[in-house]
Full PDB file with SEQRES, HELIX, SHEET, SSBOND, CRYST1, ORIGX, SCALE, CONECT and MASTER records, all heavy atoms in Angstrom:
SEQRES   1 A   33  VAL LEU ALA LEU GLU ALA GLY ALA ASP LEU VAL LEU MET          
SEQRES   2 A   33  PRO ALA ASP ALA GLU ALA ALA ILE GLU ALA ILE VAL ALA          
SEQRES   3 A   33  ALA VAL GLN SER GLY ARG LEU                                  
HELIX    1 AA1 LEU A    2  ALA A    6  1                                   5    
HELIX    2 AA2 ALA A   17  SER A   30  1                                  14    
CRYST1    1.000    1.000    1.000  90.00  90.00  90.00 P 1           1          
ORIGX1      1.000000  0.000000  0.000000        0.00000                         
ORIGX2      0.000000  1.000000  0.000000        0.00000                         
ORIGX3      0.000000  0.000000  1.000000        0.00000                         
SCALE1      1.000000  0.000000  0.000000        0.00000                         
SCALE2      0.000000  1.000000  0.000000        0.00000                         
SCALE3      0.000000  0.000000  1.000000        0.00000                         
ATOM      1  N   VAL A   1     150.791 131.026 136.999  1.00  0.00           N  
ATOM      2  CA  VAL A   1     152.202 130.652 136.708  1.00  0.00           C  
ATOM      3  C   VAL A   1     152.936 130.486 138.040  1.00  0.00           C  
ATOM      4  O   VAL A   1     153.717 129.506 138.201  1.00  0.00           O  
ATOM      5  CB  VAL A   1     152.860 131.711 135.926  1.00  0.00           C  
ATOM      6  CG1 VAL A   1     154.425 131.606 135.689  1.00  0.00           C  
ATOM      7  CG2 VAL A   1     152.264 131.813 134.432  1.00  0.00           C  
ATOM      8  N   LEU A   2     152.812 131.393 138.949  1.00  0.00           N  
ATOM      9  CA  LEU A   2     153.405 131.231 140.282  1.00  0.00           C  
ATOM     10  C   LEU A   2     153.065 130.031 140.997  1.00  0.00           C  
ATOM     11  O   LEU A   2     153.990 129.384 141.529  1.00  0.00           O  
ATOM     12  CB  LEU A   2     153.118 132.480 141.156  1.00  0.00           C  
ATOM     13  CG  LEU A   2     153.787 133.817 140.675  1.00  0.00           C  
ATOM     14  CD1 LEU A   2     153.121 135.016 141.572  1.00  0.00           C  
ATOM     15  CD2 LEU A   2     155.229 133.858 140.884  1.00  0.00           C  
ATOM     16  N   ALA A   3     151.817 129.592 140.846  1.00  0.00           N  
ATOM     17  CA  ALA A   3     151.397 128.311 141.535  1.00  0.00           C  
ATOM     18  C   ALA A   3     152.198 127.110 140.945  1.00  0.00           C  
ATOM     19  O   ALA A   3     152.678 126.293 141.659  1.00  0.00           O  
ATOM     20  CB  ALA A   3     149.915 128.162 141.397  1.00  0.00           C  
ATOM     21  N   LEU A   4     152.296 127.151 139.630  1.00  0.00           N  
ATOM     22  CA  LEU A   4     153.073 125.949 139.009  1.00  0.00           C  
ATOM     23  C   LEU A   4     154.541 126.074 139.263  1.00  0.00           C  
ATOM     24  O   LEU A   4     155.059 124.996 139.456  1.00  0.00           O  
ATOM     25  CB  LEU A   4     152.687 125.955 137.557  1.00  0.00           C  
ATOM     26  CG  LEU A   4     151.327 125.653 137.012  1.00  0.00           C  
ATOM     27  CD1 LEU A   4     151.207 125.639 135.499  1.00  0.00           C  
ATOM     28  CD2 LEU A   4     150.682 124.330 137.615  1.00  0.00           C  
ATOM     29  N   GLU A   5     155.016 127.196 139.305  1.00  0.00           N  
ATOM     30  CA  GLU A   5     156.435 127.461 139.641  1.00  0.00           C  
ATOM     31  C   GLU A   5     156.721 126.814 141.058  1.00  0.00           C  
ATOM     32  O   GLU A   5     157.746 126.323 141.327  1.00  0.00           O  
ATOM     33  CB  GLU A   5     156.899 128.822 139.570  1.00  0.00           C  
ATOM     34  CG  GLU A   5     157.170 129.425 138.251  1.00  0.00           C  
ATOM     35  CD  GLU A   5     157.647 130.873 138.159  1.00  0.00           C  
ATOM     36  OE1 GLU A   5     157.174 131.576 138.936  1.00  0.00           O  
ATOM     37  OE2 GLU A   5     158.573 131.103 137.430  1.00  0.00           O  
ATOM     38  N   ALA A   6     155.689 127.133 141.960  1.00  0.00           N  
ATOM     39  CA  ALA A   6     155.902 126.739 143.408  1.00  0.00           C  
ATOM     40  C   ALA A   6     155.851 125.245 143.540  1.00  0.00           C  
ATOM     41  O   ALA A   6     156.382 124.713 144.454  1.00  0.00           O  
ATOM     42  CB  ALA A   6     154.795 127.436 144.257  1.00  0.00           C  
ATOM     43  N   GLY A   7     155.128 124.547 142.621  1.00  0.00           N  
ATOM     44  CA  GLY A   7     154.992 123.113 142.752  1.00  0.00           C  
ATOM     45  C   GLY A   7     153.571 122.595 142.679  1.00  0.00           C  
ATOM     46  O   GLY A   7     153.450 121.374 142.757  1.00  0.00           O  
ATOM     47  N   ALA A   8     152.671 123.400 142.479  1.00  0.00           N  
ATOM     48  CA  ALA A   8     151.257 122.935 142.248  1.00  0.00           C  
ATOM     49  C   ALA A   8     151.188 122.228 140.878  1.00  0.00           C  
ATOM     50  O   ALA A   8     151.880 122.648 139.958  1.00  0.00           O  
ATOM     51  CB  ALA A   8     150.345 124.070 142.330  1.00  0.00           C  
ATOM     52  N   ASP A   9     150.281 121.271 140.857  1.00  0.00           N  
ATOM     53  CA  ASP A   9     149.986 120.590 139.511  1.00  0.00           C  
ATOM     54  C   ASP A   9     148.767 121.090 138.858  1.00  0.00           C  
ATOM     55  O   ASP A   9     148.675 121.275 137.610  1.00  0.00           O  
ATOM     56  CB  ASP A   9     149.816 119.052 139.751  1.00  0.00           C  
ATOM     57  CG  ASP A   9     151.005 118.417 140.415  1.00  0.00           C  
ATOM     58  OD1 ASP A   9     152.071 118.590 139.754  1.00  0.00           O  
ATOM     59  OD2 ASP A   9     150.918 117.803 141.391  1.00  0.00           O  
ATOM     60  N   LEU A  10     147.773 121.396 139.644  1.00  0.00           N  
ATOM     61  CA  LEU A  10     146.407 121.831 139.073  1.00  0.00           C  
ATOM     62  C   LEU A  10     146.162 123.260 139.625  1.00  0.00           C  
ATOM     63  O   LEU A  10     146.290 123.634 140.810  1.00  0.00           O  
ATOM     64  CB  LEU A  10     145.343 120.809 139.379  1.00  0.00           C  
ATOM     65  CG  LEU A  10     145.546 119.421 139.115  1.00  0.00           C  
ATOM     66  CD1 LEU A  10     144.440 118.476 139.451  1.00  0.00           C  
ATOM     67  CD2 LEU A  10     145.737 119.248 137.539  1.00  0.00           C  
ATOM     68  N   VAL A  11     145.445 124.025 138.760  1.00  0.00           N  
ATOM     69  CA  VAL A  11     145.060 125.316 139.104  1.00  0.00           C  
ATOM     70  C   VAL A  11     143.517 125.382 139.254  1.00  0.00           C  
ATOM     71  O   VAL A  11     142.787 125.259 138.190  1.00  0.00           O  
ATOM     72  CB  VAL A  11     145.453 126.465 138.007  1.00  0.00           C  
ATOM     73  CG1 VAL A  11     144.978 127.695 138.292  1.00  0.00           C  
ATOM     74  CG2 VAL A  11     147.049 126.349 137.960  1.00  0.00           C  
ATOM     75  N   LEU A  12     142.997 125.626 140.431  1.00  0.00           N  
ATOM     76  CA  LEU A  12     141.574 125.599 140.634  1.00  0.00           C  
ATOM     77  C   LEU A  12     140.997 126.917 140.507  1.00  0.00           C  
ATOM     78  O   LEU A  12     141.500 127.938 141.194  1.00  0.00           O  
ATOM     79  CB  LEU A  12     141.325 125.026 142.066  1.00  0.00           C  
ATOM     80  CG  LEU A  12     139.895 125.018 142.558  1.00  0.00           C  
ATOM     81  CD1 LEU A  12     139.124 124.027 141.701  1.00  0.00           C  
ATOM     82  CD2 LEU A  12     139.784 124.582 143.994  1.00  0.00           C  
ATOM     83  N   MET A  13     139.969 127.079 139.827  1.00  0.00           N  
ATOM     84  CA  MET A  13     139.187 128.334 139.623  1.00  0.00           C  
ATOM     85  C   MET A  13     140.008 129.550 139.486  1.00  0.00           C  
ATOM     86  O   MET A  13     139.926 130.514 140.355  1.00  0.00           O  
ATOM     87  CB  MET A  13     138.178 128.507 140.789  1.00  0.00           C  
ATOM     88  CG  MET A  13     137.096 127.511 140.834  1.00  0.00           C  
ATOM     89  SD  MET A  13     136.023 127.774 142.288  1.00  0.00           S  
ATOM     90  CE  MET A  13     135.395 129.426 141.999  1.00  0.00           C  
ATOM     91  N   PRO A  14     140.796 129.652 138.355  1.00  0.00           N  
ATOM     92  CA  PRO A  14     141.481 130.857 138.099  1.00  0.00           C  
ATOM     93  C   PRO A  14     140.491 131.960 137.768  1.00  0.00           C  
ATOM     94  O   PRO A  14     139.311 131.704 137.304  1.00  0.00           O  
ATOM     95  CB  PRO A  14     142.331 130.606 136.857  1.00  0.00           C  
ATOM     96  CG  PRO A  14     141.631 129.379 136.126  1.00  0.00           C  
ATOM     97  CD  PRO A  14     140.960 128.638 137.271  1.00  0.00           C  
ATOM     98  N   ALA A  15     140.769 133.236 138.129  1.00  0.00           N  
ATOM     99  CA  ALA A  15     139.847 134.271 137.901  1.00  0.00           C  
ATOM    100  C   ALA A  15     139.510 134.469 136.424  1.00  0.00           C  
ATOM    101  O   ALA A  15     138.479 134.948 136.159  1.00  0.00           O  
ATOM    102  CB  ALA A  15     140.426 135.596 138.499  1.00  0.00           C  
ATOM    103  N   ASP A  16     140.404 134.064 135.559  1.00  0.00           N  
ATOM    104  CA  ASP A  16     140.117 134.131 134.037  1.00  0.00           C  
ATOM    105  C   ASP A  16     140.860 132.974 133.501  1.00  0.00           C  
ATOM    106  O   ASP A  16     142.104 132.918 133.463  1.00  0.00           O  
ATOM    107  CB  ASP A  16     140.726 135.497 133.591  1.00  0.00           C  
ATOM    108  CG  ASP A  16     140.557 135.754 131.996  1.00  0.00           C  
ATOM    109  OD1 ASP A  16     140.381 134.727 131.396  1.00  0.00           O  
ATOM    110  OD2 ASP A  16     140.323 136.786 131.596  1.00  0.00           O  
ATOM    111  N   ALA A  17     140.134 131.979 133.009  1.00  0.00           N  
ATOM    112  CA  ALA A  17     140.740 130.715 132.549  1.00  0.00           C  
ATOM    113  C   ALA A  17     141.578 130.903 131.385  1.00  0.00           C  
ATOM    114  O   ALA A  17     142.674 130.406 131.232  1.00  0.00           O  
ATOM    115  CB  ALA A  17     139.680 129.708 132.296  1.00  0.00           C  
ATOM    116  N   GLU A  18     141.105 131.818 130.450  1.00  0.00           N  
ATOM    117  CA  GLU A  18     141.832 132.062 129.174  1.00  0.00           C  
ATOM    118  C   GLU A  18     143.194 132.733 129.460  1.00  0.00           C  
ATOM    119  O   GLU A  18     144.223 132.458 128.911  1.00  0.00           O  
ATOM    120  CB  GLU A  18     141.056 132.927 128.258  1.00  0.00           C  
ATOM    121  CG  GLU A  18     139.874 132.240 127.532  1.00  0.00           C  
ATOM    122  CD  GLU A  18     140.272 131.182 126.508  1.00  0.00           C  
ATOM    123  OE1 GLU A  18     141.496 131.035 126.169  1.00  0.00           O  
ATOM    124  OE2 GLU A  18     139.399 130.461 125.936  1.00  0.00           O  
ATOM    125  N   ALA A  19     143.089 133.686 130.412  1.00  0.00           N  
ATOM    126  CA  ALA A  19     144.366 134.436 130.803  1.00  0.00           C  
ATOM    127  C   ALA A  19     145.369 133.472 131.475  1.00  0.00           C  
ATOM    128  O   ALA A  19     146.545 133.604 131.268  1.00  0.00           O  
ATOM    129  CB  ALA A  19     143.955 135.633 131.728  1.00  0.00           C  
ATOM    130  N   ALA A  20     144.863 132.620 132.276  1.00  0.00           N  
ATOM    131  CA  ALA A  20     145.626 131.573 132.968  1.00  0.00           C  
ATOM    132  C   ALA A  20     146.472 130.724 131.943  1.00  0.00           C  
ATOM    133  O   ALA A  20     147.625 130.470 131.958  1.00  0.00           O  
ATOM    134  CB  ALA A  20     144.874 130.763 133.904  1.00  0.00           C  
ATOM    135  N   ILE A  21     145.626 130.158 131.058  1.00  0.00           N  
ATOM    136  CA  ILE A  21     146.235 129.378 129.932  1.00  0.00           C  
ATOM    137  C   ILE A  21     147.350 130.075 129.204  1.00  0.00           C  
ATOM    138  O   ILE A  21     148.437 129.619 128.969  1.00  0.00           O  
ATOM    139  CB  ILE A  21     145.093 128.783 128.982  1.00  0.00           C  
ATOM    140  CG1 ILE A  21     144.232 127.815 129.791  1.00  0.00           C  
ATOM    141  CG2 ILE A  21     145.741 128.105 127.790  1.00  0.00           C  
ATOM    142  CD1 ILE A  21     142.951 127.432 128.919  1.00  0.00           C  
ATOM    143  N   GLU A  22     146.959 131.236 128.704  1.00  0.00           N  
ATOM    144  CA  GLU A  22     147.934 132.065 127.884  1.00  0.00           C  
ATOM    145  C   GLU A  22     149.233 132.353 128.749  1.00  0.00           C  
ATOM    146  O   GLU A  22     150.204 132.253 128.249  1.00  0.00           O  
ATOM    147  CB  GLU A  22     147.232 133.405 127.440  1.00  0.00           C  
ATOM    148  CG  GLU A  22     146.213 133.138 126.316  1.00  0.00           C  
ATOM    149  CD  GLU A  22     145.440 134.430 126.039  1.00  0.00           C  
ATOM    150  OE1 GLU A  22     145.805 135.456 126.495  1.00  0.00           O  
ATOM    151  OE2 GLU A  22     144.442 134.364 125.197  1.00  0.00           O  
ATOM    152  N   ALA A  23     149.073 132.723 129.871  1.00  0.00           N  
ATOM    153  CA  ALA A  23     150.240 133.027 130.727  1.00  0.00           C  
ATOM    154  C   ALA A  23     151.038 131.847 131.002  1.00  0.00           C  
ATOM    155  O   ALA A  23     152.368 131.917 130.907  1.00  0.00           O  
ATOM    156  CB  ALA A  23     149.701 133.644 132.173  1.00  0.00           C  
ATOM    157  N   ILE A  24     150.504 130.618 131.241  1.00  0.00           N  
ATOM    158  CA  ILE A  24     151.361 129.434 131.430  1.00  0.00           C  
ATOM    159  C   ILE A  24     151.966 129.068 130.145  1.00  0.00           C  
ATOM    160  O   ILE A  24     153.182 128.634 130.178  1.00  0.00           O  
ATOM    161  CB  ILE A  24     150.422 128.328 131.958  1.00  0.00           C  
ATOM    162  CG1 ILE A  24     149.825 128.549 133.360  1.00  0.00           C  
ATOM    163  CG2 ILE A  24     151.225 127.056 132.141  1.00  0.00           C  
ATOM    164  CD1 ILE A  24     148.716 127.638 133.809  1.00  0.00           C  
ATOM    165  N   VAL A  25     151.272 129.182 129.057  1.00  0.00           N  
ATOM    166  CA  VAL A  25     151.965 128.853 127.828  1.00  0.00           C  
ATOM    167  C   VAL A  25     153.106 129.730 127.429  1.00  0.00           C  
ATOM    168  O   VAL A  25     154.205 129.245 127.115  1.00  0.00           O  
ATOM    169  CB  VAL A  25     150.860 128.948 126.625  1.00  0.00           C  
ATOM    170  CG1 VAL A  25     151.645 129.002 125.285  1.00  0.00           C  
ATOM    171  CG2 VAL A  25     149.823 127.811 126.620  1.00  0.00           C  
ATOM    172  N   ALA A  26     152.933 131.064 127.725  1.00  0.00           N  
ATOM    173  CA  ALA A  26     154.063 132.071 127.604  1.00  0.00           C  
ATOM    174  C   ALA A  26     155.216 131.751 128.380  1.00  0.00           C  
ATOM    175  O   ALA A  26     156.350 131.938 128.144  1.00  0.00           O  
ATOM    176  CB  ALA A  26     153.447 133.402 127.833  1.00  0.00           C  
ATOM    177  N   ALA A  27     154.837 131.312 129.671  1.00  0.00           N  
ATOM    178  CA  ALA A  27     155.987 130.994 130.696  1.00  0.00           C  
ATOM    179  C   ALA A  27     156.839 129.865 130.174  1.00  0.00           C  
ATOM    180  O   ALA A  27     157.950 129.693 130.277  1.00  0.00           O  
ATOM    181  CB  ALA A  27     155.385 130.782 132.006  1.00  0.00           C  
ATOM    182  N   VAL A  28     156.192 128.795 129.517  1.00  0.00           N  
ATOM    183  CA  VAL A  28     156.831 127.637 128.944  1.00  0.00           C  
ATOM    184  C   VAL A  28     157.644 127.977 127.852  1.00  0.00           C  
ATOM    185  O   VAL A  28     158.761 127.684 127.643  1.00  0.00           O  
ATOM    186  CB  VAL A  28     155.785 126.454 128.620  1.00  0.00           C  
ATOM    187  CG1 VAL A  28     156.568 125.326 127.978  1.00  0.00           C  
ATOM    188  CG2 VAL A  28     155.126 126.005 129.916  1.00  0.00           C  
ATOM    189  N   GLN A  29     156.972 128.767 126.920  1.00  0.00           N  
ATOM    190  CA  GLN A  29     157.672 129.195 125.731  1.00  0.00           C  
ATOM    191  C   GLN A  29     158.923 130.115 126.001  1.00  0.00           C  
ATOM    192  O   GLN A  29     160.011 130.001 125.397  1.00  0.00           O  
ATOM    193  CB  GLN A  29     156.839 129.943 124.837  1.00  0.00           C  
ATOM    194  CG  GLN A  29     155.750 129.055 124.150  1.00  0.00           C  
ATOM    195  CD  GLN A  29     154.753 129.814 123.338  1.00  0.00           C  
ATOM    196  OE1 GLN A  29     154.359 130.968 123.607  1.00  0.00           O  
ATOM    197  NE2 GLN A  29     154.159 129.164 122.264  1.00  0.00           N  
ATOM    198  N   SER A  30     158.816 130.920 127.076  1.00  0.00           N  
ATOM    199  CA  SER A  30     160.068 131.742 127.469  1.00  0.00           C  
ATOM    200  C   SER A  30     161.083 131.072 128.186  1.00  0.00           C  
ATOM    201  O   SER A  30     162.208 131.560 128.446  1.00  0.00           O  
ATOM    202  CB  SER A  30     159.526 132.900 128.219  1.00  0.00           C  
ATOM    203  OG  SER A  30     159.118 132.497 129.420  1.00  0.00           O  
ATOM    204  N   GLY A  31     160.742 129.826 128.696  1.00  0.00           N  
ATOM    205  CA  GLY A  31     161.649 129.109 129.611  1.00  0.00           C  
ATOM    206  C   GLY A  31     161.541 129.292 131.021  1.00  0.00           C  
ATOM    207  O   GLY A  31     162.202 128.773 131.956  1.00  0.00           O  
ATOM    208  N   ARG A  32     160.551 130.297 131.513  1.00  0.00           N  
ATOM    209  CA  ARG A  32     160.417 130.450 132.774  1.00  0.00           C  
ATOM    210  C   ARG A  32     159.910 129.210 133.475  1.00  0.00           C  
ATOM    211  O   ARG A  32     160.210 128.903 134.677  1.00  0.00           O  
ATOM    212  CB  ARG A  32     159.331 131.656 132.985  1.00  0.00           C  
ATOM    213  CG  ARG A  32     158.966 131.927 134.283  1.00  0.00           C  
ATOM    214  CD  ARG A  32     157.921 133.071 134.485  1.00  0.00           C  
ATOM    215  NE  ARG A  32     157.476 133.259 135.825  1.00  0.00           N  
ATOM    216  CZ  ARG A  32     156.469 134.189 136.114  1.00  0.00           C  
ATOM    217  NH1 ARG A  32     155.903 134.988 135.221  1.00  0.00           N  
ATOM    218  NH2 ARG A  32     156.166 134.280 137.438  1.00  0.00           N  
ATOM    219  N   LEU A  33     158.973 128.438 132.845  1.00  0.00           N  
ATOM    220  CA  LEU A  33     158.495 127.086 133.355  1.00  0.00           C  
ATOM    221  C   LEU A  33     159.087 126.197 132.345  1.00  0.00           C  
ATOM    222  O   LEU A  33     159.024 126.339 131.075  1.00  0.00           O  
ATOM    223  CB  LEU A  33     156.996 127.055 133.264  1.00  0.00           C  
ATOM    224  CG  LEU A  33     156.223 127.446 134.510  1.00  0.00           C  
ATOM    225  CD1 LEU A  33     154.661 127.348 134.228  1.00  0.00           C  
ATOM    226  CD2 LEU A  33     156.503 126.585 135.697  1.00  0.00           C  
TER     227      LEU A  33                                                      
MASTER        0    0    0    2    0    0    0    6  226    1    0    3          
END                                                                             
């Protein structure tokens, strides 16, 4: 989430892909992203 907030477009090799997807989705749904 922090990477996308900073301006990155693509997230390379997250430590946990499922956790990364869920966190980004939650950030969009909450308005953070």
